[in-house]
C-alpha cells in the first residue's frame, strides 16, 4: 500500500494530501489578498496551488480536476480571465464552478484541485 503524504498538516486539516499517485488540495483562498478584487484573489489562490503542487513534485500540467466556489457568479468572467491565463492549454482539467457562501465575507473565490504526481 502506498504511503500517505500530508503537506502543511494542521490540527483541523492538511493543505494537501498525496496518495495513490495523486495530490488532492484543500480549498485554497486568498487570505493575504482578501481585500483585493476577484482577479487579485484568483491570482493569489492559483499561486498557492502552484506552490502546493511543487511541494508534491508536480505541476499544473498534470491537473485532473478543479472545483471552484465563487461568492458571486457575477465574478465568473473576471475569474476566468485569470484562470485562462494560468491554465495550460491542452492540459485543462475537468472543472466545476458554483456560487457559494464562503468562510469570510471578504473572500470571493476558493479553488481545490486534484492532480497526478
PDB file of N, CA and C in Angstrom:
ATOM      1  N   UNK A   1       0.852  -1.181   0.000  1.00  0.00           N
ATOM      2  CA  UNK A   1       0.000   0.000   0.000  1.00  0.00           C
ATOM      3  C   UNK A   1       0.896   1.243   0.000  1.00  0.00           C
ATOM      4  N   UNK A   2       0.497   2.217  -0.773  1.00  0.00           N
ATOM      5  CA  UNK A   2       1.275   3.453  -0.868  1.00  0.00           C
ATOM      6  C   UNK A   2       1.156   4.261   0.418  1.00  0.00           C
ATOM      7  N   UNK A   3       2.194   5.012   0.689  1.00  0.00           N
ATOM      8  CA  UNK A   3       2.179   5.886   1.859  1.00  0.00           C
ATOM      9  C   UNK A   3       1.342   7.132   1.586  1.00  0.00           C
ATOM     10  N   UNK A   4       0.752   7.646   2.634  1.00  0.00           N
ATOM     11  CA  UNK A   4       0.029   8.907   2.565  1.00  0.00           C
ATOM     12  C   UNK A   4       1.000  10.001   2.984  1.00  0.00           C
ATOM     13  N   UNK A   5       1.105  11.043   2.166  1.00  0.00           N
ATOM     14  CA  UNK A   5       1.978  12.184   2.466  1.00  0.00           C
ATOM     15  C   UNK A   5       1.098  13.422   2.606  1.00  0.00           C
ATOM     16  N   UNK A   6       1.195  14.079   3.753  1.00  0.00           N
ATOM     17  CA  UNK A   6       0.401  15.279   4.018  1.00  0.00           C
ATOM     18  C   UNK A   6       1.297  16.520   3.936  1.00  0.00           C
ATOM     19  N   UNK A   7       0.797  17.549   3.299  1.00  0.00           N
ATOM     20  CA  UNK A   7       1.528  18.808   3.147  1.00  0.00           C
ATOM     21  C   UNK A   7       0.836  19.858   4.003  1.00  0.00           C
ATOM     22  N   UNK A   8       1.620  20.554   4.823  1.00  0.00           N
ATOM     23  CA  UNK A   8       1.090  21.580   5.733  1.00  0.00           C
ATOM     24  C   UNK A   8      -0.066  21.019   6.559  1.00  0.00           C
ATOM     25  N   UNK A   9       0.240  19.953   7.280  1.00  0.00           N
ATOM     26  CA  UNK A   9      -0.751  19.272   8.111  1.00  0.00           C
ATOM     27  C   UNK A   9      -0.999  20.077   9.378  1.00  0.00           C
ATOM     28  N   UNK A  10      -2.217  20.485   9.582  1.00  0.00           N
ATOM     29  CA  UNK A  10      -2.585  21.247  10.769  1.00  0.00           C
ATOM     30  C   UNK A  10      -3.521  20.459  11.654  1.00  0.00           C
ATOM     31  N   UNK A  11      -3.987  21.070  12.732  1.00  0.00           N
ATOM     32  CA  UNK A  11      -4.858  20.364  13.671  1.00  0.00           C
ATOM     33  C   UNK A  11      -6.245  20.061  13.096  1.00  0.00           C
ATOM     34  N   UNK A  12      -6.690  20.845  12.128  1.00  0.00           N
ATOM     35  CA  UNK A  12      -8.023  20.660  11.555  1.00  0.00           C
ATOM     36  C   UNK A  12      -7.984  20.034  10.171  1.00  0.00           C
ATOM     37  N   UNK A  13      -6.953  20.372   9.400  1.00  0.00           N
ATOM     38  CA  UNK A  13      -6.881  19.910   8.014  1.00  0.00           C
ATOM     39  C   UNK A  13      -5.467  20.038   7.476  1.00  0.00           C
ATOM     40  N   UNK A  14      -5.201  19.308   6.408  1.00  0.00           N
ATOM     41  CA  UNK A  14      -3.957  19.441   5.654  1.00  0.00           C
ATOM     42  C   UNK A  14      -4.249  20.301   4.433  1.00  0.00           C
ATOM     43  N   UNK A  15      -3.246  21.034   3.975  1.00  0.00           N
ATOM     44  CA  UNK A  15      -3.426  21.834   2.763  1.00  0.00           C
ATOM     45  C   UNK A  15      -3.439  20.958   1.514  1.00  0.00           C
ATOM     46  N   UNK A  16      -2.782  19.789   1.614  1.00  0.00           N
ATOM     47  CA  UNK A  16      -2.804  18.828   0.501  1.00  0.00           C
ATOM     48  C   UNK A  16      -2.491  17.451   1.052  1.00  0.00           C
ATOM     49  N   UNK A  17      -3.012  16.442   0.373  1.00  0.00           N
ATOM     50  CA  UNK A  17      -2.732  15.058   0.715  1.00  0.00           C
ATOM     51  C   UNK A  17      -2.381  14.329  -0.572  1.00  0.00           C
ATOM     52  N   UNK A  18      -1.256  13.609  -0.541  1.00  0.00           N
ATOM     53  CA  UNK A  18      -0.807  12.819  -1.678  1.00  0.00           C
ATOM     54  C   UNK A  18      -1.004  11.339  -1.357  1.00  0.00           C
ATOM     55  N   UNK A  19      -1.633  10.642  -2.285  1.00  0.00           N
ATOM     56  CA  UNK A  19      -1.874   9.219  -2.101  1.00  0.00           C
ATOM     57  C   UNK A  19      -2.233   8.601  -3.447  1.00  0.00           C
ATOM     58  N   UNK A  20      -1.735   7.420  -3.684  1.00  0.00           N
ATOM     59  CA  UNK A  20      -2.105   6.691  -4.889  1.00  0.00           C
ATOM     60  C   UNK A  20      -1.763   7.405  -6.180  1.00  0.00           C
ATOM     61  N   UNK A  21      -0.659   8.137  -6.197  1.00  0.00           N
ATOM     62  CA  UNK A  21      -0.242   8.830  -7.408  1.00  0.00           C
ATOM     63  C   UNK A  21      -0.974  10.131  -7.676  1.00  0.00           C
ATOM     64  N   UNK A  22      -1.726  10.612  -6.671  1.00  0.00           N
ATOM     65  CA  UNK A  22      -2.490  11.847  -6.832  1.00  0.00           C
ATOM     66  C   UNK A  22      -2.203  12.815  -5.692  1.00  0.00           C
ATOM     67  N   UNK A  23      -2.397  14.098  -5.962  1.00  0.00           N
ATOM     68  CA  UNK A  23      -2.412  15.118  -4.919  1.00  0.00           C
ATOM     69  C   UNK A  23      -3.798  15.749  -4.924  1.00  0.00           C
ATOM     70  N   UNK A  24      -4.380  15.848  -3.736  1.00  0.00           N
ATOM     71  CA  UNK A  24      -5.679  16.491  -3.543  1.00  0.00           C
ATOM     72  C   UNK A  24      -5.424  17.715  -2.665  1.00  0.00           C
ATOM     73  N   UNK A  25      -5.763  18.895  -3.159  1.00  0.00           N
ATOM     74  CA  UNK A  25      -5.560  20.087  -2.330  1.00  0.00           C
ATOM     75  C   UNK A  25      -6.844  20.432  -1.583  1.00  0.00           C
ATOM     76  N   UNK A  26      -6.657  21.060  -0.448  1.00  0.00           N
ATOM     77  CA  UNK A  26      -7.786  21.678   0.245  1.00  0.00           C
ATOM     78  C   UNK A  26      -8.202  22.892  -0.572  1.00  0.00           C
ATOM     79  N   UNK A  27      -9.376  23.399  -0.316  1.00  0.00           N
ATOM     80  CA  UNK A  27      -9.790  24.633  -0.963  1.00  0.00           C
ATOM     81  C   UNK A  27      -8.847  25.752  -0.563  1.00  0.00           C
ATOM     82  N   UNK A  28      -8.295  26.409  -1.555  1.00  0.00           N
ATOM     83  CA  UNK A  28      -7.349  27.500  -1.313  1.00  0.00           C
ATOM     84  C   UNK A  28      -8.067  28.839  -1.455  1.00  0.00           C
ATOM     85  N   UNK A  29      -7.797  29.727  -0.514  1.00  0.00           N
ATOM     86  CA  UNK A  29      -8.378  31.075  -0.526  1.00  0.00           C
ATOM     87  C   UNK A  29      -7.250  32.101  -0.420  1.00  0.00           C
ATOM     88  N   UNK A  30      -7.587  33.335  -0.707  1.00  0.00           N
ATOM     89  CA  UNK A  30      -6.598  34.416  -0.746  1.00  0.00           C
ATOM     90  C   UNK A  30      -6.617  35.208   0.555  1.00  0.00           C
ATOM     91  N   UNK A  31      -6.200  34.596   1.636  1.00  0.00           N
ATOM     92  CA  UNK A  31      -6.221  35.290   2.934  1.00  0.00           C
ATOM     93  C   UNK A  31      -5.362  36.553   2.908  1.00  0.00           C
ATOM     94  N   UNK A  32      -4.214  36.520   2.248  1.00  0.00           N
ATOM     95  CA  UNK A  32      -3.325  37.683   2.204  1.00  0.00           C
ATOM     96  C   UNK A  32      -3.827  38.761   1.245  1.00  0.00           C
ATOM     97  N   UNK A  33      -4.719  38.388   0.339  1.00  0.00           N
ATOM     98  CA  UNK A  33      -5.258  39.350  -0.630  1.00  0.00           C
ATOM     99  C   UNK A  33      -6.767  39.478  -0.477  1.00  0.00           C
ATOM    100  N   UNK A  34      -7.267  39.209   0.735  1.00  0.00           N
ATOM    101  CA  UNK A  34      -8.717  39.172   0.962  1.00  0.00           C
ATOM    102  C   UNK A  34      -9.399  40.506   0.688  1.00  0.00           C
ATOM    103  N   UNK A  35      -8.639  41.599   0.687  1.00  0.00           N
ATOM    104  CA  UNK A  35      -9.240  42.895   0.379  1.00  0.00           C
ATOM    105  C   UNK A  35      -9.146  43.215  -1.114  1.00  0.00           C
ATOM    106  N   UNK A  36      -8.588  42.297  -1.902  1.00  0.00           N
ATOM    107  CA  UNK A  36      -8.449  42.510  -3.337  1.00  0.00           C
ATOM    108  C   UNK A  36      -9.698  42.140  -4.108  1.00  0.00           C
ATOM    109  N   UNK A  37      -9.713  42.526  -5.380  1.00  0.00           N
ATOM    110  CA  UNK A  37     -10.836  42.173  -6.238  1.00  0.00           C
ATOM    111  C   UNK A  37     -10.728  40.708  -6.662  1.00  0.00           C
ATOM    112  N   UNK A  38     -11.676  40.232  -7.443  1.00  0.00           N
ATOM    113  CA  UNK A  38     -11.713  38.824  -7.828  1.00  0.00           C
ATOM    114  C   UNK A  38     -10.454  38.416  -8.590  1.00  0.00           C
ATOM    115  N   UNK A  39      -9.926  39.286  -9.417  1.00  0.00           N
ATOM    116  CA  UNK A  39      -8.721  38.935 -10.172  1.00  0.00           C
ATOM    117  C   UNK A  39      -7.527  38.771  -9.238  1.00  0.00           C
ATOM    118  N   UNK A  40      -7.355  39.687  -8.307  1.00  0.00           N
ATOM    119  CA  UNK A  40      -6.232  39.581  -7.355  1.00  0.00           C
ATOM    120  C   UNK A  40      -6.378  38.343  -6.491  1.00  0.00           C
ATOM    121  N   UNK A  41      -7.592  38.055  -6.047  1.00  0.00           N
ATOM    122  CA  UNK A  41      -7.793  36.877  -5.219  1.00  0.00           C
ATOM    123  C   UNK A  41      -7.563  35.593  -6.017  1.00  0.00           C
ATOM    124  N   UNK A  42      -8.054  35.541  -7.244  1.00  0.00           N
ATOM    125  CA  UNK A  42      -7.856  34.349  -8.067  1.00  0.00           C
ATOM    126  C   UNK A  42      -6.373  34.122  -8.320  1.00  0.00           C
ATOM    127  N   UNK A  43      -5.643  35.185  -8.622  1.00  0.00           N
ATOM    128  CA  UNK A  43      -4.193  35.069  -8.852  1.00  0.00           C
ATOM    129  C   UNK A  43      -3.501  34.525  -7.607  1.00  0.00           C
ATOM    130  N   UNK A  44      -3.844  35.026  -6.441  1.00  0.00           N
ATOM    131  CA  UNK A  44      -3.235  34.558  -5.190  1.00  0.00           C
ATOM    132  C   UNK A  44      -3.566  33.095  -4.928  1.00  0.00           C
ATOM    133  N   UNK A  45      -4.796  32.705  -5.191  1.00  0.00           N
ATOM    134  CA  UNK A  45      -5.202  31.304  -4.993  1.00  0.00           C
ATOM    135  C   UNK A  45      -4.416  30.386  -5.932  1.00  0.00           C
ATOM    136  N   UNK A  46      -4.291  30.779  -7.175  1.00  0.00           N
ATOM    137  CA  UNK A  46      -3.565  29.937  -8.140  1.00  0.00           C
ATOM    138  C   UNK A  46      -2.077  29.857  -7.802  1.00  0.00           C
ATOM    139  N   UNK A  47      -1.510  30.927  -7.269  1.00  0.00           N
ATOM    140  CA  UNK A  47      -0.118  30.884  -6.809  1.00  0.00           C
ATOM    141  C   UNK A  47       0.025  29.900  -5.647  1.00  0.00           C
ATOM    142  N   UNK A  48      -0.950  29.871  -4.748  1.00  0.00           N
ATOM    143  CA  UNK A  48      -0.920  28.916  -3.636  1.00  0.00           C
ATOM    144  C   UNK A  48      -1.025  27.482  -4.150  1.00  0.00           C
ATOM    145  N   UNK A  49      -1.862  27.271  -5.147  1.00  0.00           N
ATOM    146  CA  UNK A  49      -1.988  25.939  -5.744  1.00  0.00           C
ATOM    147  C   UNK A  49      -0.685  25.539  -6.416  1.00  0.00           C
ATOM    148  N   UNK A  50      -0.063  26.454  -7.157  1.00  0.00           N
ATOM    149  CA  UNK A  50       1.243  26.165  -7.769  1.00  0.00           C
ATOM    150  C   UNK A  50       2.254  25.717  -6.713  1.00  0.00           C
ATOM    151  N   UNK A  51       2.275  26.402  -5.576  1.00  0.00           N
ATOM    152  CA  UNK A  51       3.225  26.079  -4.504  1.00  0.00           C
ATOM    153  C   UNK A  51       2.950  24.693  -3.919  1.00  0.00           C
ATOM    154  N   UNK A  52       1.686  24.353  -3.713  1.00  0.00           N
ATOM    155  CA  UNK A  52       1.355  23.022  -3.200  1.00  0.00           C
ATOM    156  C   UNK A  52       1.715  21.935  -4.200  1.00  0.00           C
ATOM    157  N   UNK A  53       1.428  22.170  -5.467  1.00  0.00           N
ATOM    158  CA  UNK A  53       1.788  21.187  -6.494  1.00  0.00           C
ATOM    159  C   UNK A  53       3.301  20.992  -6.538  1.00  0.00           C
ATOM    160  N   UNK A  54       4.050  22.083  -6.467  1.00  0.00           N
ATOM    161  CA  UNK A  54       5.517  21.993  -6.472  1.00  0.00           C
ATOM    162  C   UNK A  54       6.026  21.239  -5.246  1.00  0.00           C
ATOM    163  N   UNK A  55       5.427  21.481  -4.096  1.00  0.00           N
ATOM    164  CA  UNK A  55       5.842  20.781  -2.873  1.00  0.00           C
ATOM    165  C   UNK A  55       5.637  19.272  -3.000  1.00  0.00           C
ATOM    166  N   UNK A  56       4.679  18.882  -3.816  1.00  0.00           N
ATOM    167  CA  UNK A  56       4.407  17.459  -4.034  1.00  0.00           C
ATOM    168  C   UNK A  56       5.200  16.890  -5.202  1.00  0.00           C
ATOM    169  N   UNK A  57       5.935  17.742  -5.905  1.00  0.00           N
ATOM    170  CA  UNK A  57       6.748  17.288  -7.025  1.00  0.00           C
ATOM    171  C   UNK A  57       5.988  17.204  -8.341  1.00  0.00           C
ATOM    172  N   UNK A  58       4.951  18.005  -8.483  1.00  0.00           N
ATOM    173  CA  UNK A  58       4.184  18.011  -9.725  1.00  0.00           C
ATOM    174  C   UNK A  58       3.876  19.446 -10.119  1.00  0.00           C
ATOM    175  N   UNK A  59       3.055  19.637 -11.132  1.00  0.00           N
ATOM    176  CA  UNK A  59       2.714  20.991 -11.570  1.00  0.00           C
ATOM    177  C   UNK A  59       1.360  20.990 -12.267  1.00  0.00           C
ATOM    178  N   UNK A  60       0.935  22.172 -12.698  1.00  0.00           N
ATOM    179  CA  UNK A  60      -0.393  22.343 -13.281  1.00  0.00           C
ATOM    180  C   UNK A  60      -0.582  21.616 -14.606  1.00  0.00           C
ATOM    181  N   UNK A  61       0.482  21.149 -15.229  1.00  0.00           N
ATOM    182  CA  UNK A  61       0.337  20.368 -16.462  1.00  0.00           C
ATOM    183  C   UNK A  61      -0.295  19.009 -16.187  1.00  0.00           C
ATOM    184  N   UNK A  62      -0.353  18.625 -14.908  1.00  0.00           N
ATOM    185  CA  UNK A  62      -0.904  17.319 -14.538  1.00  0.00           C
ATOM    186  C   UNK A  62      -2.235  17.438 -13.793  1.00  0.00           C
ATOM    187  N   UNK A  63      -2.888  18.593 -13.922  1.00  0.00           N
ATOM    188  CA  UNK A  63      -4.197  18.771 -13.293  1.00  0.00           C
ATOM    189  C   UNK A  63      -5.195  17.779 -13.870  1.00  0.00           C
ATOM    190  N   UNK A  64      -6.023  17.222 -12.994  1.00  0.00           N
ATOM    191  CA  UNK A  64      -7.086  16.320 -13.413  1.00  0.00           C
ATOM    192  C   UNK A  64      -8.462  16.964 -13.270  1.00  0.00           C
ATOM    193  N   UNK A  65      -8.677  17.622 -12.146  1.00  0.00           N
ATOM    194  CA  UNK A  65      -9.972  18.247 -11.896  1.00  0.00           C
ATOM    195  C   UNK A  65      -9.810  19.476 -11.004  1.00  0.00           C
ATOM    196  N   UNK A  66     -10.727  20.397 -11.135  1.00  0.00           N
ATOM    197  CA  UNK A  66     -10.748  21.609 -10.304  1.00  0.00           C
ATOM    198  C   UNK A  66     -12.177  21.870  -9.857  1.00  0.00           C
ATOM    199  N   UNK A  67     -12.287  22.309  -8.627  1.00  0.00           N
ATOM    200  CA  UNK A  67     -13.576  22.728  -8.071  1.00  0.00           C
ATOM    201  C   UNK A  67     -13.425  24.186  -7.666  1.00  0.00           C
ATOM    202  N   UNK A  68     -14.315  25.021  -8.157  1.00  0.00           N
ATOM    203  CA  UNK A  68     -14.232  26.458  -7.904  1.00  0.00           C
ATOM    204  C   UNK A  68     -15.532  26.925  -7.269  1.00  0.00           C
ATOM    205  N   UNK A  69     -15.381  27.659  -6.171  1.00  0.00           N
ATOM    206  CA  UNK A  69     -16.520  28.267  -5.493  1.00  0.00           C
ATOM    207  C   UNK A  69     -16.361  29.778  -5.587  1.00  0.00           C
ATOM    208  N   UNK A  70     -17.373  30.454  -6.107  1.00  0.00           N
ATOM    209  CA  UNK A  70     -17.382  31.912  -6.204  1.00  0.00           C
ATOM    210  C   UNK A  70     -18.431  32.473  -5.259  1.00  0.00           C
ATOM    211  N   UNK A  71     -18.089  33.563  -4.615  1.00  0.00           N
ATOM    212  CA  UNK A  71     -19.066  34.237  -3.760  1.00  0.00           C
ATOM    213  C   UNK A  71     -20.233  34.733  -4.610  1.00  0.00           C
ATOM    214  N   UNK A  72     -19.913  35.184  -5.817  1.00  0.00           N
ATOM    215  CA  UNK A  72     -20.941  35.687  -6.727  1.00  0.00           C
ATOM    216  C   UNK A  72     -20.614  35.268  -8.157  1.00  0.00           C
ATOM    217  N   UNK A  73     -21.601  34.728  -8.850  1.00  0.00           N
ATOM    218  CA  UNK A  73     -21.381  34.351 -10.250  1.00  0.00           C
ATOM    219  C   UNK A  73     -21.158  35.574 -11.133  1.00  0.00           C
ATOM    220  N   UNK A  74     -21.409  36.763 -10.613  1.00  0.00           N
ATOM    221  CA  UNK A  74     -21.102  37.972 -11.384  1.00  0.00           C
ATOM    222  C   UNK A  74     -19.590  38.118 -11.578  1.00  0.00           C
ATOM    223  N   UNK A  75     -18.786  37.385 -10.791  1.00  0.00           N
ATOM    224  CA  UNK A  75     -17.324  37.402 -10.925  1.00  0.00           C
ATOM    225  C   UNK A  75     -16.801  36.317 -11.866  1.00  0.00           C
ATOM    226  N   UNK A  76     -17.691  35.533 -12.453  1.00  0.00           N
ATOM    227  CA  UNK A  76     -17.297  34.390 -13.277  1.00  0.00           C
ATOM    228  C   UNK A  76     -16.354  34.781 -14.419  1.00  0.00           C
ATOM    229  N   UNK A  77     -16.722  35.797 -15.183  1.00  0.00           N
ATOM    230  CA  UNK A  77     -15.891  36.197 -16.334  1.00  0.00           C
ATOM    231  C   UNK A  77     -14.522  36.701 -15.908  1.00  0.00           C
ATOM    232  N   UNK A  78     -14.475  37.520 -14.878  1.00  0.00           N
ATOM    233  CA  UNK A  78     -13.195  38.071 -14.413  1.00  0.00           C
ATOM    234  C   UNK A  78     -12.312  36.966 -13.836  1.00  0.00           C
ATOM    235  N   UNK A  79     -12.912  36.037 -13.091  1.00  0.00           N
ATOM    236  CA  UNK A  79     -12.135  34.905 -12.574  1.00  0.00           C
ATOM    237  C   UNK A  79     -11.588  34.089 -13.732  1.00  0.00           C
ATOM    238  N   UNK A  80     -12.414  33.858 -14.756  1.00  0.00           N
ATOM    239  CA  UNK A  80     -11.971  33.074 -15.910  1.00  0.00           C
ATOM    240  C   UNK A  80     -10.825  33.731 -16.665  1.00  0.00           C
ATOM    241  N   UNK A  81     -10.765  35.052 -16.680  1.00  0.00           N
ATOM    242  CA  UNK A  81      -9.637  35.728 -17.334  1.00  0.00           C
ATOM    243  C   UNK A  81      -8.321  35.318 -16.691  1.00  0.00           C
ATOM    244  N   UNK A  82      -8.295  35.295 -15.376  1.00  0.00           N
ATOM    245  CA  UNK A  82      -7.082  34.906 -14.649  1.00  0.00           C
ATOM    246  C   UNK A  82      -6.839  33.411 -14.810  1.00  0.00           C
ATOM    247  N   UNK A  83      -7.891  32.616 -14.662  1.00  0.00           N
ATOM    248  CA  UNK A  83      -7.776  31.163 -14.820  1.00  0.00           C
ATOM    249  C   UNK A  83      -7.220  30.814 -16.202  1.00  0.00           C
ATOM    250  N   UNK A  84      -7.796  31.400 -17.259  1.00  0.00           N
ATOM    251  CA  UNK A  84      -7.386  31.081 -18.627  1.00  0.00           C
ATOM    252  C   UNK A  84      -5.928  31.438 -18.891  1.00  0.00           C
ATOM    253  N   UNK A  85      -5.430  32.502 -18.269  1.00  0.00           N
ATOM    254  CA  UNK A  85      -4.019  32.881 -18.418  1.00  0.00           C
ATOM    255  C   UNK A  85      -3.111  31.919 -17.661  1.00  0.00           C
ATOM    256  N   UNK A  86      -3.622  31.276 -16.633  1.00  0.00           N
ATOM    257  CA  UNK A  86      -2.827  30.374 -15.779  1.00  0.00           C
ATOM    258  C   UNK A  86      -2.819  28.944 -16.281  1.00  0.00           C
ATOM    259  N   UNK A  87      -3.976  28.414 -16.639  1.00  0.00           N
ATOM    260  CA  UNK A  87      -4.072  27.002 -17.007  1.00  0.00           C
ATOM    261  C   UNK A  87      -3.373  26.766 -18.350  1.00  0.00           C
ATOM    262  N   UNK A  88      -2.776  25.599 -18.479  1.00  0.00           N
ATOM    263  CA  UNK A  88      -2.056  25.266 -19.708  1.00  0.00           C
ATOM    264  C   UNK A  88      -3.013  24.702 -20.745  1.00  0.00           C
ATOM    265  N   UNK A  89      -3.083  25.360 -21.887  1.00  0.00           N
ATOM    266  CA  UNK A  89      -3.936  24.857 -22.957  1.00  0.00           C
ATOM    267  C   UNK A  89      -3.446  23.475 -23.389  1.00  0.00           C
ATOM    268  N   UNK A  90      -4.371  22.575 -23.587  1.00  0.00           N
ATOM    269  CA  UNK A  90      -4.027  21.192 -23.904  1.00  0.00           C
ATOM    270  C   UNK A  90      -3.891  20.336 -22.655  1.00  0.00           C
ATOM    271  N   UNK A  91      -3.876  20.975 -21.485  1.00  0.00           N
ATOM    272  CA  UNK A  91      -3.790  20.261 -20.204  1.00  0.00           C
ATOM    273  C   UNK A  91      -4.886  20.728 -19.253  1.00  0.00           C
ATOM    274  N   UNK A  92      -5.994  21.211 -19.804  1.00  0.00           N
ATOM    275  CA  UNK A  92      -7.058  21.722 -18.955  1.00  0.00           C
ATOM    276  C   UNK A  92      -7.759  20.575 -18.223  1.00  0.00           C
ATOM    277  N   UNK A  93      -8.060  20.778 -16.941  1.00  0.00           N
ATOM    278  CA  UNK A  93      -8.723  19.733 -16.151  1.00  0.00           C
ATOM    279  C   UNK A  93     -10.239  19.761 -16.359  1.00  0.00           C
ATOM    280  N   UNK A  94     -10.911  18.744 -15.852  1.00  0.00           N
ATOM    281  CA  UNK A  94     -12.353  18.872 -15.704  1.00  0.00           C
ATOM    282  C   UNK A  94     -12.566  19.946 -14.654  1.00  0.00           C
ATOM    283  N   UNK A  95     -13.742  20.570 -14.661  1.00  0.00           N
ATOM    284  CA  UNK A  95     -13.927  21.683 -13.738  1.00  0.00           C
ATOM    285  C   UNK A  95     -15.393  21.878 -13.415  1.00  0.00           C
ATOM    286  N   UNK A  96     -15.649  22.242 -12.168  1.00  0.00           N
ATOM    287  CA  UNK A  96     -16.977  22.666 -11.738  1.00  0.00           C
ATOM    288  C   UNK A  96     -16.819  24.033 -11.095  1.00  0.00           C
ATOM    289  N   UNK A  97     -17.801  24.890 -11.301  1.00  0.00           N
ATOM    290  CA  UNK A  97     -17.775  26.230 -10.704  1.00  0.00           C
ATOM    291  C   UNK A  97     -19.186  26.564 -10.245  1.00  0.00           C
ATOM    292  N   UNK A  98     -19.299  26.873  -8.963  1.00  0.00           N
ATOM    293  CA  UNK A  98     -20.607  27.184  -8.384  1.00  0.00           C
ATOM    294  C   UNK A  98     -20.541  28.434  -7.519  1.00  0.00           C
ATOM    295  N   UNK A  99     -21.692  29.026  -7.309  1.00  0.00           N
ATOM    296  CA  UNK A  99     -21.800  30.146  -6.378  1.00  0.00           C
ATOM    297  C   UNK A  99     -22.029  29.583  -4.985  1.00  0.00           C
ATOM    298  N   UNK A 100     -21.328  30.163  -4.002  1.00  0.00           N
ATOM    299  CA  UNK A 100     -21.409  29.621  -2.651  1.00  0.00           C
ATOM    300  C   UNK A 100     -21.070  30.691  -1.619  1.00  0.00           C
ATOM    301  N   UNK A 101     -21.653  30.569  -0.434  1.00  0.00           N
ATOM    302  CA  UNK A 101     -21.187  31.379   0.689  1.00  0.00           C
ATOM    303  C   UNK A 101     -19.803  30.855   1.067  1.00  0.00           C
ATOM    304  N   UNK A 102     -18.851  31.751   1.284  1.00  0.00           N
ATOM    305  CA  UNK A 102     -17.503  31.351   1.680  1.00  0.00           C
ATOM    306  C   UNK A 102     -17.296  31.667   3.154  1.00  0.00           C
ATOM    307  N   UNK A 103     -16.208  31.180   3.718  1.00  0.00           N
ATOM    308  CA  UNK A 103     -15.981  31.267   5.166  1.00  0.00           C
ATOM    309  C   UNK A 103     -15.942  32.699   5.701  1.00  0.00           C
ATOM    310  N   UNK A 104     -15.412  33.627   4.921  1.00  0.00           N
ATOM    311  CA  UNK A 104     -15.329  35.030   5.323  1.00  0.00           C
ATOM    312  C   UNK A 104     -15.995  35.908   4.257  1.00  0.00           C
ATOM    313  N   UNK A 105     -16.636  36.972   4.670  1.00  0.00           N
ATOM    314  CA  UNK A 105     -17.295  37.861   3.711  1.00  0.00           C
ATOM    315  C   UNK A 105     -16.334  38.460   2.688  1.00  0.00           C
ATOM    316  N   UNK A 106     -15.084  38.654   3.073  1.00  0.00           N
ATOM    317  CA  UNK A 106     -14.115  39.282   2.180  1.00  0.00           C
ATOM    318  C   UNK A 106     -13.619  38.342   1.077  1.00  0.00           C
ATOM    319  N   UNK A 107     -13.816  37.045   1.249  1.00  0.00           N
ATOM    320  CA  UNK A 107     -13.344  36.082   0.250  1.00  0.00           C
ATOM    321  C   UNK A 107     -14.307  36.020  -0.923  1.00  0.00           C
ATOM    322  N   UNK A 108     -13.726  35.999  -2.133  1.00  0.00           N
ATOM    323  CA  UNK A 108     -14.530  35.977  -3.340  1.00  0.00           C
ATOM    324  C   UNK A 108     -14.409  34.662  -4.106  1.00  0.00           C
ATOM    325  N   UNK A 109     -13.347  33.880  -3.839  1.00  0.00           N
ATOM    326  CA  UNK A 109     -13.115  32.654  -4.599  1.00  0.00           C
ATOM    327  C   UNK A 109     -12.362  31.638  -3.739  1.00  0.00           C
ATOM    328  N   UNK A 110     -12.692  30.383  -3.952  1.00  0.00           N
ATOM    329  CA  UNK A 110     -11.969  29.264  -3.328  1.00  0.00           C
ATOM    330  C   UNK A 110     -11.825  28.197  -4.401  1.00  0.00           C
ATOM    331  N   UNK A 111     -10.626  27.605  -4.490  1.00  0.00           N
ATOM    332  CA  UNK A 111     -10.365  26.594  -5.513  1.00  0.00           C
ATOM    333  C   UNK A 111      -9.637  25.409  -4.887  1.00  0.00           C
ATOM    334  N   UNK A 112     -10.084  24.205  -5.233  1.00  0.00           N
ATOM    335  CA  UNK A 112      -9.402  22.959  -4.851  1.00  0.00           C
ATOM    336  C   UNK A 112      -9.134  22.178  -6.142  1.00  0.00           C
ATOM    337  N   UNK A 113      -7.977  21.524  -6.197  1.00  0.00           N
ATOM    338  CA  UNK A 113      -7.633  20.741  -7.381  1.00  0.00           C
ATOM    339  C   UNK A 113      -7.152  19.352  -6.992  1.00  0.00           C
ATOM    340  N   UNK A 114      -7.220  18.456  -7.960  1.00  0.00           N
ATOM    341  CA  UNK A 114      -6.585  17.155  -7.890  1.00  0.00           C
ATOM    342  C   UNK A 114      -5.679  17.051  -9.099  1.00  0.00           C
ATOM    343  N   UNK A 115      -4.462  16.540  -8.886  1.00  0.00           N
ATOM    344  CA  UNK A 115      -3.501  16.401  -9.979  1.00  0.00           C
ATOM    345  C   UNK A 115      -2.751  15.088  -9.832  1.00  0.00           C
ATOM    346  N   UNK A 116      -2.199  14.612 -10.936  1.00  0.00           N
ATOM    347  CA  UNK A 116      -1.334  13.435 -10.904  1.00  0.00           C
ATOM    348  C   UNK A 116       0.045  13.832 -10.413  1.00  0.00           C
ATOM    349  N   UNK A 117       0.685  12.915  -9.724  1.00  0.00           N
ATOM    350  CA  UNK A 117       2.057  13.169  -9.251  1.00  0.00           C
ATOM    351  C   UNK A 117       3.059  12.792 -10.326  1.00  0.00           C
TER     352      UNK A 117
END
